[in-house]
């Protein structure tokens, strides 16, 4: 059995793993990158990029068809050619994958190890990894960056080969005529709406009322209402039976009006979540503490698991399942793995997540459920009457910003609405810079822009802060009220 001694072993070549590997090598350490599957990252192959490509095609068709009310004729004749849409998505997807493969191909051959790793032992400050029971790697430090895999509830497995997950979508040869989508998180909403806008008859079944991870009920309800105008959407579906009848997936459920309904579909997309891909690692051999889901307990400011020389990063840690955070976590884990035992802590960036359905959804800063509601004011702005949003015919949604009632310091926000990806960045920067609502209101706002909706919400929060202090708010620079 071949044996190799290294300073840092990185398990997983996704976004977090690549970032950790680069960091360890930049620190001058002997590092290896271990991968059991395909190179190219989840983001590029089956995640962020192909899903946005599919959405771009779907939104292009939807926007063109929406030109009729503006007096543009002939738009209703447009339709999607499913085979050509998926061919386009795959070709563009391969471009993004290719860029990552060029990087991994350039790594020294002896630093890249193909195979599945598991811990064989951890003692005396060293970790032994077995690679497919054919090779042993001994490392001072290990970074776990194995990512996450789709989960499929047992009850849905009745649909057999008519069931797909988000990992399978981009291998489709054409669009189904009718599709059931289970889930109401980011993946379900983005892919489900893309299908609907490309002409698929979509039924989306959520669970427990959860939508896009939003916990602010009015914002969540505003998003649900907008989506329901495009396809059947029940975020708290009451499924009574699931079966295969005449070779077709069949679902019996209580409809939104409480009547019993049975529908058949060509395809079932299950997007009910992803779980850390950790079971093959045999973490029991490491001696590190695990939570009740088998995920290592770790310090988010250092990515260190307990006091060990094992670090974790990316989707497999079960915290922030977003590429930007995976890259940050990977670098932090790689830096600390390289300098162990001189582990250093950092202040993490403000939590920030986006869902690219329309209206888009965003969650910024402090978790809404964690806020002290008696010490928090909520500034609100509806996009229904917001000027630029109405011009774009995208005037659906609601923005809530949260601020400390006494100091006015911005704490976070939840929103659904047009171009929220841009508003979300402005808010994330303001929260991380610890701006107050007054300070934010002194910044420039042009007209007519969607950002004026943000100003409306900030003004609302500011007035409530002064009501809390029993003072009169100061006069702020006036601007058009739309």
Protein backbone atom coordinates (compact mmCIF):
# COMPACT_ATOMS: atom_id res chain seq x y z
CA UNK A 1 0.00 0.00 0.00
CA UNK A 2 1.45 3.36 -1.07
CA UNK A 3 1.97 5.79 1.81
CA UNK A 4 2.38 9.58 1.60
CA UNK A 5 3.23 12.07 4.35
CA UNK A 6 1.94 15.63 4.00
CA UNK A 7 1.33 18.72 6.08
CA UNK A 8 -2.29 19.30 4.96
CA UNK A 9 -4.78 16.93 3.36
CA UNK A 10 -7.88 18.53 1.84
CA UNK A 11 -10.81 16.16 1.27
CA UNK A 12 -13.07 17.46 -1.50
CA UNK A 13 -12.31 19.58 -4.57
CA UNK A 14 -15.37 21.81 -4.59
CA UNK A 15 -15.30 25.56 -4.01
CA UNK A 16 -14.31 25.24 -0.33
CA UNK A 17 -11.76 22.50 -0.96
CA UNK A 18 -10.05 24.36 -3.79
CA UNK A 19 -9.87 27.49 -1.64
CA UNK A 20 -8.39 25.52 1.27
CA UNK A 21 -5.86 23.77 -0.98
CA UNK A 22 -4.70 27.08 -2.49
CA UNK A 23 -4.32 28.61 0.98
CA UNK A 24 -2.26 25.70 2.31
CA UNK A 25 0.03 25.74 -0.75
CA UNK A 26 0.41 29.53 -0.53
CA UNK A 27 1.60 29.06 3.06
CA UNK A 28 4.39 26.86 1.72
CA UNK A 29 2.98 23.60 3.06
CA UNK A 30 3.02 20.20 1.38
CA UNK A 31 -0.68 19.72 0.61
CA UNK A 32 -2.77 17.17 -1.25
CA UNK A 33 -6.26 17.49 -2.71
CA UNK A 34 -8.40 14.34 -2.53
CA UNK A 35 -11.54 13.94 -4.66
CA UNK A 36 -13.78 10.93 -5.23
CA UNK A 37 -16.06 12.42 -7.87
CA UNK A 38 -15.81 14.72 -10.86
CA UNK A 39 -13.82 17.92 -10.73
CA UNK A 40 -15.62 21.13 -11.63
CA UNK A 41 -17.50 22.02 -8.37
CA UNK A 42 -21.17 21.68 -7.53
CA UNK A 43 -21.71 25.36 -8.37
CA UNK A 44 -20.48 25.05 -11.94
CA UNK A 45 -21.81 21.56 -12.74
CA UNK A 46 -25.24 21.32 -11.15
CA UNK A 47 -25.74 24.40 -8.97
CA UNK A 48 -25.43 28.15 -9.26
CA UNK A 49 -24.38 28.51 -12.88
CA UNK A 50 -26.56 26.05 -14.84
CA UNK A 51 -29.59 27.01 -12.77
CA UNK A 52 -29.05 30.68 -13.64
CA UNK A 53 -28.60 29.75 -17.29
CA UNK A 54 -31.94 27.93 -17.26
CA UNK A 55 -33.56 30.85 -15.43
CA UNK A 56 -32.12 33.33 -17.93
CA UNK A 57 -33.70 31.42 -20.80
CA UNK A 58 -37.02 31.12 -18.96
CA UNK A 59 -37.07 34.77 -17.89
CA UNK A 60 -36.23 35.88 -21.42
CA UNK A 61 -39.28 34.06 -22.76
CA UNK A 62 -41.46 35.32 -19.90
CA UNK A 63 -40.35 38.94 -20.37
CA UNK A 64 -40.94 38.77 -24.12
CA UNK A 65 -44.44 37.38 -23.63
CA UNK A 66 -45.10 40.15 -21.07
CA UNK A 67 -44.57 42.81 -23.76
CA UNK A 68 -48.13 42.46 -25.06
CA UNK A 69 -49.64 44.87 -22.48
CA UNK A 70 -47.12 47.46 -23.69
CA UNK A 71 -48.47 47.25 -27.22
CA UNK A 72 -45.90 44.86 -28.69
CA UNK A 73 -47.68 42.36 -30.96
CA UNK A 74 -46.83 38.76 -31.81
CA UNK A 75 -45.21 37.89 -28.50
CA UNK A 76 -47.73 35.14 -27.63
CA UNK A 77 -46.42 33.04 -30.53
CA UNK A 78 -43.06 32.54 -28.77
CA UNK A 79 -42.45 29.16 -27.13
CA UNK A 80 -39.58 27.13 -25.70
CA UNK A 81 -37.89 24.31 -27.58
CA UNK A 82 -36.93 22.14 -24.63
CA UNK A 83 -34.20 20.20 -26.41
CA UNK A 84 -32.50 23.37 -27.61
CA UNK A 85 -32.86 25.08 -24.22
CA UNK A 86 -31.08 22.23 -22.41
CA UNK A 87 -28.46 21.97 -25.13
CA UNK A 88 -27.72 25.68 -24.67
CA UNK A 89 -27.60 25.34 -20.88
CA UNK A 90 -25.19 22.39 -21.04
CA UNK A 91 -22.88 24.12 -23.54
CA UNK A 92 -22.66 27.25 -21.40
CA UNK A 93 -22.38 25.16 -18.22
CA UNK A 94 -19.41 23.34 -19.75
CA UNK A 95 -17.72 26.70 -20.30
CA UNK A 96 -17.79 27.43 -16.57
CA UNK A 97 -16.73 23.89 -15.68
CA UNK A 98 -13.90 24.14 -18.18
CA UNK A 99 -12.41 27.14 -16.43
CA UNK A 100 -12.22 25.19 -13.17
CA UNK A 101 -10.79 22.11 -14.87
CA UNK A 102 -8.01 24.21 -16.36
CA UNK A 103 -7.00 25.21 -12.84
CA UNK A 104 -7.11 21.71 -11.39
CA UNK A 105 -5.23 20.30 -14.39
CA UNK A 106 -2.44 22.77 -13.64
CA UNK A 107 -1.90 21.45 -10.10
CA UNK A 108 1.20 19.27 -9.63
CA UNK A 109 0.23 15.69 -10.42
CA UNK A 110 1.47 14.34 -7.10
CA UNK A 111 -0.73 16.80 -5.17
CA UNK A 112 -4.03 15.52 -6.62
CA UNK A 113 -5.33 12.16 -5.42
CA UNK A 114 -8.37 10.50 -6.94
CA UNK A 115 -10.44 8.27 -4.67
CA UNK A 116 -12.71 8.24 -1.63
CA UNK A 117 -11.07 9.08 1.68
CA UNK A 118 -11.91 7.82 5.13
CA UNK A 119 -10.19 8.28 8.46
CA UNK A 120 -8.24 5.18 9.44
CA UNK A 121 -6.76 6.65 12.62
CA UNK A 122 -6.05 9.91 14.42
CA UNK A 123 -3.39 9.94 17.12
CA UNK A 124 -0.23 11.72 18.28
CA UNK A 125 -1.16 14.82 16.33
CA UNK A 126 -1.31 12.98 12.99
CA UNK A 127 -4.23 11.72 10.92
CA UNK A 128 -4.16 8.67 8.70
CA UNK A 129 -6.49 8.64 5.69
CA UNK A 130 -7.23 5.54 3.67
CA UNK A 131 -7.97 6.18 0.00
CA UNK A 132 -10.17 3.40 -1.44
CA UNK A 133 -8.31 1.00 0.89
CA UNK A 134 -5.42 1.13 -1.57
CA UNK A 135 -3.40 4.13 -0.40
CA UNK A 136 -2.61 5.83 2.92
CA UNK A 137 -2.11 9.53 3.49
CA UNK A 138 -0.63 10.70 6.78
CA UNK A 139 -1.27 14.39 7.49
CA UNK A 140 -0.61 16.85 10.28
CA UNK A 141 -3.85 18.69 9.48
CA UNK A 142 -6.98 17.78 7.53
CA UNK A 143 -9.60 20.02 5.93
CA UNK A 144 -12.97 18.36 5.38
CA UNK A 145 -14.72 19.94 2.38
CA UNK A 146 -16.85 17.13 1.02
CA UNK A 147 -19.91 19.24 0.19
CA UNK A 148 -23.53 18.14 0.37
CA UNK A 149 -25.83 15.79 -1.53
CA UNK A 150 -29.56 15.97 -2.35
CA UNK A 151 -31.88 14.28 0.11
CA UNK A 152 -34.93 12.30 -1.02
CA UNK A 153 -37.59 11.51 1.61
CA UNK A 154 -38.50 7.81 1.61
CA UNK A 155 -42.15 8.48 0.74
CA UNK A 156 -41.18 10.09 -2.57
CA UNK A 157 -39.10 7.15 -3.76
CA UNK A 158 -42.33 5.53 -4.98
CA UNK A 159 -41.91 7.56 -8.18
CA UNK A 160 -38.89 5.50 -9.22
CA UNK A 161 -37.17 6.61 -12.42
CA UNK A 162 -39.68 9.44 -12.90
CA UNK A 163 -38.06 11.17 -9.90
CA UNK A 164 -35.09 13.50 -10.33
CA UNK A 165 -33.12 15.79 -8.03
CA UNK A 166 -31.44 19.09 -8.82
CA UNK A 167 -28.30 17.13 -9.69
CA UNK A 168 -30.19 15.45 -12.56
CA UNK A 169 -32.08 18.41 -14.06
CA UNK A 170 -29.41 19.51 -16.50
CA UNK A 171 -29.14 16.05 -18.03
CA UNK A 172 -32.75 16.24 -19.25
CA UNK A 173 -33.12 16.02 -23.02
CA UNK A 174 -36.31 18.04 -23.13
CA UNK A 175 -38.95 19.64 -20.94
CA UNK A 176 -41.77 17.62 -19.36
CA UNK A 177 -45.33 18.70 -20.02
CA UNK A 178 -46.33 18.50 -16.36
CA UNK A 179 -44.05 18.43 -13.32
CA UNK A 180 -44.54 18.12 -9.58
CA UNK A 181 -41.90 19.94 -7.53
CA UNK A 182 -41.45 18.97 -3.89
CA UNK A 183 -39.81 21.65 -1.79
CA UNK A 184 -40.07 25.43 -1.47
CA UNK A 185 -36.47 26.36 -0.79
CA UNK A 186 -34.10 28.20 -3.13
CA UNK A 187 -33.47 25.27 -5.47
CA UNK A 188 -37.14 24.33 -5.77
CA UNK A 189 -38.25 27.91 -6.39
CA UNK A 190 -35.61 28.66 -9.00
CA UNK A 191 -35.98 25.44 -10.98
CA UNK A 192 -39.75 25.23 -10.54
CA UNK A 193 -40.32 28.77 -11.77
CA UNK A 194 -37.91 28.23 -14.67
CA UNK A 195 -39.93 25.18 -15.72
CA UNK A 196 -43.19 27.12 -15.43
CA UNK A 197 -41.91 30.04 -17.49
CA UNK A 198 -40.71 27.63 -20.17
CA UNK A 199 -44.25 26.28 -20.53
CA UNK A 200 -44.32 23.35 -18.10
CA UNK A 201 -47.50 22.92 -16.03
CA UNK A 202 -45.93 23.05 -12.55
CA UNK A 203 -47.38 22.07 -9.17
CA UNK A 204 -45.11 22.97 -6.26
CA UNK A 205 -45.64 21.36 -2.87
CA UNK A 206 -43.86 22.83 0.15
CA UNK A 207 -43.87 21.70 3.76
CA UNK A 208 -44.61 23.57 6.97
CA UNK A 209 -45.18 26.91 5.25
CA UNK A 210 -41.47 27.54 4.69
CA UNK A 211 -40.64 29.56 1.58
CA UNK A 212 -37.12 30.55 0.42
CA UNK A 213 -35.86 30.39 4.01
CA UNK A 214 -37.82 33.56 4.87
CA UNK A 215 -38.98 33.74 8.50
CA UNK A 216 -40.64 37.19 8.34
CA UNK A 217 -44.26 36.18 7.67
CA UNK A 218 -45.44 39.24 5.66
CA UNK A 219 -42.40 39.04 3.37
CA UNK A 220 -42.84 35.29 2.97
CA UNK A 221 -46.55 35.73 2.18
CA UNK A 222 -45.82 38.42 -0.40
CA UNK A 223 -43.45 36.07 -2.22
CA UNK A 224 -45.94 33.20 -2.04
CA UNK A 225 -48.71 35.35 -3.51
CA UNK A 226 -46.52 36.46 -6.41
CA UNK A 227 -45.42 32.91 -7.23
CA UNK A 228 -48.98 31.60 -6.99
CA UNK A 229 -49.92 33.89 -9.87
CA UNK A 230 -47.62 31.85 -12.13
CA UNK A 231 -48.13 28.23 -11.04
CA UNK A 232 -49.84 26.08 -8.43
CA UNK A 233 -47.96 26.71 -5.20
CA UNK A 234 -48.82 25.44 -1.74
CA UNK A 235 -46.03 25.99 0.83
CA UNK A 236 -47.88 23.88 3.38
CA UNK A 237 -49.14 21.07 1.19
CA UNK A 238 -51.37 18.34 2.60
CA UNK A 239 -50.40 15.26 0.60
CA UNK A 240 -52.81 12.36 1.08
CA UNK A 241 -51.34 9.74 -1.26
CA UNK A 242 -48.51 9.27 -3.75
CA UNK A 243 -48.33 6.42 -6.23
CA UNK A 244 -47.59 5.31 -9.78
CA UNK A 245 -50.70 4.79 -11.88
CA UNK A 246 -50.47 3.71 -15.51
CA UNK A 247 -46.76 4.49 -15.35
CA UNK A 248 -47.43 8.10 -14.29
CA UNK A 249 -46.54 9.75 -10.95
CA UNK A 250 -49.85 10.44 -9.23
CA UNK A 251 -50.41 12.74 -6.26
CA UNK A 252 -53.63 13.07 -4.25
CA UNK A 253 -53.74 16.17 -2.07
CA UNK A 254 -55.91 18.77 -0.38
CA UNK A 255 -56.04 21.79 -2.65
CA UNK A 256 -55.65 25.38 -1.46
CA UNK A 257 -59.45 25.60 -1.22
CA UNK A 258 -59.44 22.40 0.93
CA UNK A 259 -61.04 20.31 -1.82
CA UNK A 260 -59.53 16.91 -2.62
CA UNK A 261 -57.59 16.81 -5.87
CA UNK A 262 -55.61 14.21 -7.84
CA UNK A 263 -53.03 15.12 -10.48
CA UNK A 264 -50.70 13.10 -12.67
CA UNK A 265 -47.26 14.21 -13.86
CA UNK A 266 -44.57 13.29 -16.34
CA UNK A 267 -41.79 14.11 -13.91
CA UNK A 268 -41.22 14.70 -10.20
CA UNK A 269 -38.46 17.07 -9.10
CA UNK A 270 -37.45 16.59 -5.46
CA UNK A 271 -35.69 19.64 -4.02
CA UNK A 272 -36.33 19.14 -0.32
CA UNK A 273 -32.80 19.97 0.80
CA UNK A 274 -29.20 18.82 0.76
CA UNK A 275 -27.34 17.01 3.55
CA UNK A 276 -23.63 17.11 4.44
CA UNK A 277 -21.76 14.33 2.63
CA UNK A 278 -19.86 13.02 5.65
CA UNK A 279 -20.85 9.39 6.24
CA UNK A 280 -18.07 7.83 4.10
CA UNK A 281 -15.40 9.59 6.20
CA UNK A 282 -15.81 7.38 9.30
CA UNK A 283 -15.50 10.41 11.56
CA UNK A 284 -15.77 8.24 14.68
CA UNK A 285 -12.09 7.41 14.15
CA UNK A 286 -11.14 11.06 14.67
CA UNK A 287 -12.37 11.47 18.24
CA UNK A 288 -13.89 14.88 17.45
CA UNK A 289 -17.34 15.75 18.79
CA UNK A 290 -20.29 15.49 16.42
CA UNK A 291 -23.80 16.92 16.61
CA UNK A 292 -26.95 14.80 16.39
CA UNK A 293 -26.72 14.90 12.55
CA UNK A 294 -23.18 13.58 12.50
CA UNK A 295 -21.63 16.96 11.64
CA UNK A 296 -18.47 17.98 13.53
CA UNK A 297 -18.82 20.69 16.15
CA UNK A 298 -16.59 23.55 15.06
CA UNK A 299 -15.77 27.22 15.65
CA UNK A 300 -17.17 29.36 12.81
CA UNK A 301 -14.47 31.99 13.42
CA UNK A 302 -11.64 29.52 12.74
CA UNK A 303 -13.34 26.46 11.17
CA UNK A 304 -11.48 24.30 13.72
CA UNK A 305 -13.18 21.17 15.03
CA UNK A 306 -12.73 21.32 18.79
CA UNK A 307 -9.04 21.59 19.68
CA UNK A 308 -7.99 19.18 16.93
CA UNK A 309 -6.02 19.76 13.74
CA UNK A 310 -9.15 18.91 11.73
CA UNK A 311 -10.96 21.79 10.03
CA UNK A 312 -14.20 21.88 8.06
CA UNK A 313 -15.50 24.18 5.32
CA UNK A 314 -18.32 24.56 2.81
CA UNK A 315 -21.70 22.86 2.52
CA UNK A 316 -20.63 19.89 4.63
CA UNK A 317 -20.53 22.01 7.80
CA UNK A 318 -24.30 22.56 7.68
CA UNK A 319 -24.28 26.32 8.28
CA UNK A 320 -24.00 28.73 5.34
CA UNK A 321 -24.69 26.79 2.11
CA UNK A 322 -23.60 29.54 -0.29
CA UNK A 323 -20.62 29.64 -2.62
CA UNK A 324 -19.30 32.97 -1.36
CA UNK A 325 -19.16 31.61 2.18
CA UNK A 326 -17.71 28.29 1.01
CA UNK A 327 -14.80 30.17 -0.56
CA UNK A 328 -14.27 32.23 2.61
CA UNK A 329 -14.51 29.18 4.86
CA UNK A 330 -12.14 27.20 2.67
CA UNK A 331 -9.46 29.88 2.80
CA UNK A 332 -9.86 30.28 6.56
CA UNK A 333 -9.69 26.52 7.10
CA UNK A 334 -6.69 26.17 4.78
CA UNK A 335 -4.82 29.03 6.46
CA UNK A 336 -5.40 27.59 9.93
CA UNK A 337 -4.62 24.03 8.86
CA UNK A 338 -1.29 25.29 7.51
CA UNK A 339 -0.37 27.25 10.64
CA UNK A 340 -1.67 24.75 13.21
CA UNK A 341 -1.35 24.91 16.23
CA UNK A 342 -1.26 28.72 15.79
CA UNK A 343 -4.97 28.84 14.95
CA UNK A 344 -6.35 32.33 14.42
CA UNK A 345 -9.91 33.57 14.58
CA UNK A 346 -11.53 36.10 12.25
CA UNK A 347 -14.72 38.13 12.20
CA UNK A 348 -17.01 36.53 9.63
CA UNK A 349 -18.87 38.53 7.02
CA UNK A 350 -22.51 39.37 7.58
CA UNK A 351 -24.78 36.44 6.60
CA UNK A 352 -26.31 37.12 3.19
CA UNK A 353 -28.36 34.81 0.98
CA UNK A 354 -30.27 35.29 -2.26
CA UNK A 355 -32.89 33.33 -4.19
CA UNK A 356 -33.07 34.13 -7.90
CA UNK A 357 -36.74 33.44 -8.48
CA UNK A 358 -38.91 36.43 -9.45
CA UNK A 359 -39.58 38.29 -7.27
CA UNK A 360 -36.09 37.65 -5.95
CA UNK A 361 -35.70 36.96 -2.23
CA UNK A 362 -32.96 37.99 0.17
CA UNK A 363 -32.03 37.47 3.81
CA UNK A 364 -29.39 39.76 5.30
CA UNK A 365 -27.77 39.99 8.71
CA UNK A 366 -29.23 38.83 12.00
CA UNK A 367 -31.75 36.00 11.83
CA UNK A 368 -35.23 37.49 12.19
CA UNK A 369 -36.23 34.96 14.83
CA UNK A 370 -33.19 35.90 16.93
CA UNK A 371 -34.05 39.60 17.13
CA UNK A 372 -35.41 41.05 20.35
CA UNK A 373 -38.70 42.29 18.95
CA UNK A 374 -39.20 44.79 21.79
CA UNK A 375 -35.87 46.41 20.97
CA UNK A 376 -36.20 46.23 17.19
CA UNK A 377 -38.09 48.42 14.75
CA UNK A 378 -39.08 47.25 11.28
CA UNK A 379 -39.02 49.63 8.35
CA UNK A 380 -41.33 48.55 5.54
CA UNK A 381 -41.66 49.31 1.85
CA UNK A 382 -43.99 47.71 -0.67
CA UNK A 383 -42.92 47.44 -4.29
CA UNK A 384 -46.56 47.39 -5.46
CA UNK A 385 -46.63 51.17 -5.95
CA UNK A 386 -42.88 51.85 -6.22
CA UNK A 387 -42.29 53.93 -9.34
CA UNK A 388 -39.40 52.21 -11.14
CA UNK A 389 -40.75 48.77 -10.24
CA UNK A 390 -44.06 49.65 -11.88
CA UNK A 391 -42.28 50.95 -14.99
CA UNK A 392 -40.53 47.58 -15.27
CA UNK A 393 -43.82 45.75 -14.61
CA UNK A 394 -42.09 43.98 -11.71
CA UNK A 395 -43.97 45.73 -8.92
CA UNK A 396 -44.48 42.76 -6.62
CA UNK A 397 -42.91 42.22 -3.23
CA UNK A 398 -42.10 43.64 0.18
CA UNK A 399 -38.95 44.88 1.92
CA UNK A 400 -38.46 44.84 5.71
CA UNK A 401 -35.34 46.33 7.30
CA UNK A 402 -34.58 45.82 11.00
CA UNK A 403 -32.87 48.36 13.24
CA UNK A 404 -32.10 48.73 16.92
CA UNK A 405 -34.92 50.80 18.41
CA UNK A 406 -32.61 52.93 20.58
CA UNK A 407 -29.45 53.34 18.50
CA UNK A 408 -30.92 53.05 15.01
CA UNK A 409 -28.14 50.65 14.01
CA UNK A 410 -29.15 48.39 11.13
CA UNK A 411 -29.38 44.73 12.14
CA UNK A 412 -30.64 42.99 9.02
CA UNK A 413 -33.38 42.67 6.43
CA UNK A 414 -35.64 40.26 4.60
CA UNK A 415 -37.13 41.03 1.23
CA UNK A 416 -38.74 39.83 -1.92
CA UNK A 417 -38.96 42.10 -4.92
CA UNK A 418 -37.32 43.29 -8.15
CA UNK A 419 -33.49 43.35 -8.37
CA UNK A 420 -33.24 42.40 -4.71
CA UNK A 421 -29.82 40.95 -5.54
CA UNK A 422 -28.60 44.56 -5.74
CA UNK A 423 -30.59 45.94 -2.81
CA UNK A 424 -29.37 43.00 -0.76
CA UNK A 425 -25.74 43.91 -1.39
CA UNK A 426 -26.33 47.50 -0.32
CA UNK A 427 -27.99 46.32 2.88
CA UNK A 428 -25.32 43.70 3.60
CA UNK A 429 -22.62 46.35 3.26
CA UNK A 430 -24.56 48.77 5.48
CA UNK A 431 -25.07 46.14 8.18
CA UNK A 432 -21.43 45.04 8.09
CA UNK A 433 -20.29 48.68 8.31
CA UNK A 434 -22.63 49.05 11.31
CA UNK A 435 -24.45 52.03 9.81
CA UNK A 436 -27.49 53.52 11.48
CA UNK A 437 -30.62 54.24 9.46
CA UNK A 438 -29.84 57.97 9.66
CA UNK A 439 -26.36 57.40 8.25
CA UNK A 440 -27.77 55.26 5.45
CA UNK A 441 -30.34 57.93 4.60
CA UNK A 442 -27.56 60.50 4.13
CA UNK A 443 -26.18 58.44 1.25
CA UNK A 444 -27.23 59.34 -2.34
CA UNK A 445 -30.38 57.89 -3.92
CA UNK A 446 -31.07 58.59 -7.59
CA UNK A 447 -34.50 58.86 -9.26
CA UNK A 448 -36.25 56.88 -10.63
CA UNK A 449 -34.62 53.71 -9.30
CA UNK A 450 -35.74 50.67 -7.32
CA UNK A 451 -33.33 51.77 -4.56
CA UNK A 452 -35.88 54.44 -3.66
CA UNK A 453 -37.87 51.57 -2.17
CA UNK A 454 -34.95 50.95 0.17
CA UNK A 455 -35.00 54.62 1.12
CA UNK A 456 -38.71 54.34 1.91
CA UNK A 457 -38.05 51.42 4.25
CA UNK A 458 -35.17 53.25 5.92
CA UNK A 459 -37.35 56.35 6.44
CA UNK A 460 -40.04 54.18 7.99
CA UNK A 461 -37.52 52.57 10.35
CA UNK A 462 -36.03 55.95 11.22
CA UNK A 463 -39.39 57.43 12.18
CA UNK A 464 -40.13 54.42 14.39
CA UNK A 465 -36.75 54.78 16.11
CA UNK A 466 -37.65 58.36 17.02
CA UNK A 467 -41.12 57.33 18.16
CA UNK A 468 -39.40 54.84 20.45
CA UNK A 469 -37.30 57.68 21.89
CA UNK A 470 -40.36 59.97 22.03
CA UNK A 471 -38.61 62.51 19.85
CA UNK A 472 -39.42 64.17 16.58
CA UNK A 473 -37.39 62.88 13.65
CA UNK A 474 -35.10 65.45 12.03
CA UNK A 475 -35.85 66.76 8.56
CA UNK A 476 -34.16 64.60 5.95
CA UNK A 477 -33.26 65.63 2.45
CA UNK A 478 -36.39 65.54 0.31
CA UNK A 479 -36.62 63.65 -2.94
CA UNK A 480 -39.38 62.48 -5.27
CA UNK A 481 -41.79 60.26 -3.40
CA UNK A 482 -41.80 57.40 -5.86
